[in-house]
Amino acid sequence: MGRSADRHRTTRETDVRLAVDLDGGDARLDVGHGFLGHLLDAIARHGRLGLDVRAHGDEATVDVHHLAEDVGITMGGVVRDALGDADGIERYGDAWVPMDETLAHVVVDLSGRPYLAFDPSGFEGDAHGFTVHHLRELLRGFANHAGATVHVRVLAGRETHHVCEAVAKAFARALRDAVARTGSGVPSTKGVL
């Protein structure tokens, strides 16, 4: 039985179509911002997800904030939909990812309780207009709409491109482990997530 879902989110700021297959597939990305597309490609590849994103908005006239946030919101909802009743998932995942001078650690709990702890807010600078603050909005949107607890720490790093990319890859690997089917039943003493 496949674990896939799709959504279309339209606001006055963005238009996002997003589909995910938790069990793999290709990445098809058409987003209005090159670096955001680069991070989504990293999430698809390192998370071993089938990910199809068609997203555009006011990034050319405002900035990438709205696009990053709405892609995160849509991706979180789609992952939640694809999990269904979460039968047999691992629920937890964590990953360490180095990228040159950077070392990132991300922990994901698909608990049904949205929370984002985001450590790398002190890194300034940008990668094609994309900052760690935009990454925070992407992950906050995901956490809130997936019902996930996500903790992000950067233990070493200087360059914003490397920090954002290492975090995206660590998030992808942690999510991959959390959605993996490793048993049966819902991994919660409550019986539901």
Protein backbone atom coordinates (compact mmCIF):
# COMPACT_ATOMS: atom_id res chain seq x y z
CA MET A 1 0.00 0.00 0.00
CA GLY A 2 1.50 3.31 -1.09
CA ARG A 3 2.16 6.17 1.24
CA SER A 4 1.67 9.19 -0.94
CA ALA A 5 -0.43 12.34 -0.93
CA ASP A 6 -0.68 15.69 -2.65
CA ARG A 7 -2.04 19.16 -1.91
CA HIS A 8 -2.56 22.47 -3.63
CA ARG A 9 -2.24 25.62 -1.49
CA THR A 10 -3.06 29.02 -2.96
CA THR A 11 -2.82 32.34 -1.17
CA ARG A 12 -2.46 35.94 -2.34
CA GLU A 13 1.29 35.44 -1.90
CA THR A 14 1.98 31.95 -3.28
CA ASP A 15 0.70 29.05 -5.34
CA VAL A 16 2.09 25.71 -4.16
CA ARG A 17 1.36 22.23 -5.59
CA LEU A 18 3.20 19.51 -3.73
CA ALA A 19 3.11 15.71 -3.84
CA VAL A 20 5.14 13.26 -1.80
CA ASP A 21 5.74 9.54 -1.86
CA LEU A 22 7.31 8.48 1.43
CA ASP A 23 8.57 5.26 -0.12
CA GLY A 24 10.65 6.85 -2.86
CA GLY A 25 10.54 8.19 -6.35
CA ASP A 26 11.92 11.04 -8.37
CA ALA A 27 12.31 14.69 -7.48
CA ARG A 28 10.50 17.04 -9.85
CA LEU A 29 11.00 20.61 -8.74
CA ASP A 30 9.86 23.87 -10.26
CA VAL A 31 10.11 26.58 -7.65
CA GLY A 32 10.59 30.28 -8.06
CA HIS A 33 13.84 30.43 -6.13
CA GLY A 34 17.05 28.60 -7.06
CA PHE A 35 18.46 28.01 -3.59
CA LEU A 36 15.11 26.89 -2.17
CA GLY A 37 14.94 24.43 -5.08
CA HIS A 38 18.45 23.25 -4.20
CA LEU A 39 17.39 22.56 -0.60
CA LEU A 40 14.23 20.74 -1.69
CA ASP A 41 16.33 18.59 -4.02
CA ALA A 42 18.59 17.74 -1.06
CA ILE A 43 15.54 16.85 1.05
CA ALA A 44 14.19 14.57 -1.68
CA ARG A 45 17.52 12.85 -2.35
CA HIS A 46 18.69 12.40 1.24
CA GLY A 47 15.20 11.61 2.51
CA ARG A 48 14.74 9.15 -0.36
CA LEU A 49 11.35 10.71 -1.01
CA GLY A 50 9.39 11.06 -4.17
CA LEU A 51 8.87 14.82 -4.17
CA ASP A 52 7.05 16.89 -6.77
CA VAL A 53 6.91 20.61 -6.04
CA ARG A 54 5.50 23.33 -8.29
CA ALA A 55 5.66 26.57 -6.33
CA HIS A 56 5.81 30.24 -7.18
CA GLY A 57 4.85 33.46 -5.48
CA ASP A 58 6.03 36.93 -4.68
CA GLU A 59 9.70 35.94 -4.21
CA ALA A 60 10.79 38.19 -7.09
CA THR A 61 9.14 41.32 -5.70
CA VAL A 62 9.08 40.74 -1.93
CA ASP A 63 11.52 37.99 -0.90
CA VAL A 64 11.57 34.22 -0.50
CA HIS A 65 9.96 34.25 2.98
CA HIS A 66 6.37 33.57 1.86
CA LEU A 67 7.44 30.87 -0.60
CA ALA A 68 9.61 29.03 1.95
CA GLU A 69 6.89 29.20 4.60
CA ASP A 70 4.09 28.00 2.29
CA VAL A 71 6.19 25.17 0.85
CA GLY A 72 6.89 24.06 4.45
CA ILE A 73 3.20 24.28 5.37
CA THR A 74 2.17 22.27 2.31
CA MET A 75 4.93 19.69 2.73
CA GLY A 76 4.01 19.16 6.39
CA GLY A 77 0.36 18.59 5.54
CA VAL A 78 1.21 16.21 2.71
CA VAL A 79 3.55 14.14 4.87
CA ARG A 80 0.85 13.95 7.55
CA ASP A 81 -1.68 12.80 4.93
CA ALA A 82 0.74 10.23 3.48
CA LEU A 83 1.37 8.73 6.93
CA GLY A 84 -2.31 7.93 7.36
CA ASP A 85 -2.77 6.27 10.76
CA ALA A 86 1.04 5.96 11.13
CA ASP A 87 0.79 2.20 11.58
CA GLY A 88 4.23 0.64 11.93
CA ILE A 89 6.34 3.80 11.55
CA GLU A 90 9.49 4.31 13.56
CA ARG A 91 8.21 7.77 14.65
CA TYR A 92 11.63 9.12 15.70
CA GLY A 93 14.63 9.94 13.59
CA ASP A 94 17.82 11.89 13.99
CA ALA A 95 20.82 12.62 11.83
CA TRP A 96 24.19 14.30 11.95
CA VAL A 97 25.41 15.81 8.68
CA PRO A 98 28.75 17.53 8.05
CA MET A 99 29.35 19.88 5.15
CA ASP A 100 32.90 21.20 5.10
CA GLU A 101 33.18 23.47 8.18
CA THR A 102 29.54 22.87 9.17
CA LEU A 103 28.09 20.17 11.42
CA ALA A 104 24.28 19.99 11.78
CA HIS A 105 22.11 17.76 13.94
CA VAL A 106 18.35 17.36 13.44
CA VAL A 107 15.90 15.27 15.45
CA VAL A 108 12.33 14.56 14.25
CA ASP A 109 9.45 13.10 16.28
CA LEU A 110 6.21 12.51 14.36
CA SER A 111 4.34 12.87 17.64
CA GLY A 112 1.29 14.81 16.54
CA ARG A 113 2.60 17.70 18.66
CA PRO A 114 4.03 20.54 16.55
CA TYR A 115 7.16 22.21 17.90
CA LEU A 116 10.31 23.65 16.34
CA ALA A 117 13.50 24.30 18.29
CA PHE A 118 15.79 26.10 15.86
CA ASP A 119 19.35 26.82 16.96
CA PRO A 120 21.13 28.30 13.90
CA SER A 121 19.49 31.74 14.03
CA GLY A 122 22.86 33.39 14.69
CA PHE A 123 24.24 32.72 11.19
CA GLU A 124 23.87 35.81 9.08
CA GLY A 125 24.39 36.31 5.37
CA ASP A 126 22.51 34.71 2.53
CA ALA A 127 22.63 32.22 -0.32
CA HIS A 128 20.95 33.90 -3.30
CA GLY A 129 18.74 35.85 -0.88
CA PHE A 130 17.95 32.78 1.25
CA THR A 131 18.89 33.03 4.93
CA VAL A 132 18.67 30.78 7.98
CA HIS A 133 15.54 32.75 8.89
CA HIS A 134 13.86 31.48 5.68
CA LEU A 135 14.98 27.96 6.54
CA ARG A 136 13.39 28.40 9.98
CA GLU A 137 10.08 29.36 8.33
CA LEU A 138 10.24 26.33 6.01
CA LEU A 139 10.80 23.98 8.95
CA ARG A 140 8.27 25.76 11.21
CA GLY A 141 5.62 25.39 8.50
CA PHE A 142 6.51 21.72 8.18
CA ALA A 143 6.46 21.06 11.94
CA ASN A 144 3.15 22.85 12.48
CA HIS A 145 1.32 21.07 9.67
CA ALA A 146 2.92 17.63 9.98
CA GLY A 147 2.33 17.64 13.72
CA ALA A 148 6.04 17.03 14.22
CA THR A 149 8.52 18.02 16.88
CA VAL A 150 11.74 19.11 15.14
CA HIS A 151 14.97 20.11 16.89
CA VAL A 152 17.75 21.72 14.81
CA ARG A 153 21.25 22.39 16.10
CA VAL A 154 24.34 23.61 14.29
CA LEU A 155 27.44 22.65 16.20
CA ALA A 156 29.92 24.23 13.79
CA GLY A 157 29.60 26.42 10.75
CA ARG A 158 30.26 29.80 9.18
CA GLU A 159 28.95 29.96 5.64
CA THR A 160 25.15 30.30 5.29
CA HIS A 161 24.94 28.08 2.20
CA HIS A 162 26.68 25.23 4.02
CA VAL A 163 24.65 25.72 7.21
CA CYS A 164 21.30 25.67 5.36
CA GLU A 165 22.28 22.73 3.19
CA ALA A 166 23.64 20.63 6.07
CA VAL A 167 20.45 21.29 8.07
CA ALA A 168 18.27 20.34 5.06
CA LYS A 169 20.18 17.09 4.56
CA ALA A 170 20.07 16.22 8.26
CA PHE A 171 16.34 16.99 8.33
CA ALA A 172 15.82 14.72 5.31
CA ARG A 173 17.72 11.81 6.84
CA ALA A 174 15.94 12.21 10.20
CA LEU A 175 12.55 12.33 8.45
CA ARG A 176 13.46 9.25 6.38
CA ASP A 177 14.16 7.31 9.56
CA ALA A 178 11.02 8.61 11.32
CA VAL A 179 8.64 7.58 8.49
CA ALA A 180 10.28 4.16 8.01
CA ARG A 181 8.04 1.19 8.61
CA THR A 182 9.76 -0.93 11.24
CA GLY A 183 6.93 -2.82 12.91
CA SER A 184 3.20 -2.77 13.39
CA GLY A 185 0.90 -0.66 15.47
CA VAL A 186 1.20 2.99 16.36
CA PRO A 187 4.35 3.79 18.36
CA SER A 188 2.62 5.59 21.22
CA THR A 189 1.36 4.58 24.65
CA LYS A 190 -1.80 6.53 23.74
CA GLY A 191 -2.41 4.32 20.70
CA VAL A 192 -2.60 7.35 18.38
CA LEU A 193 -0.24 10.06 17.22
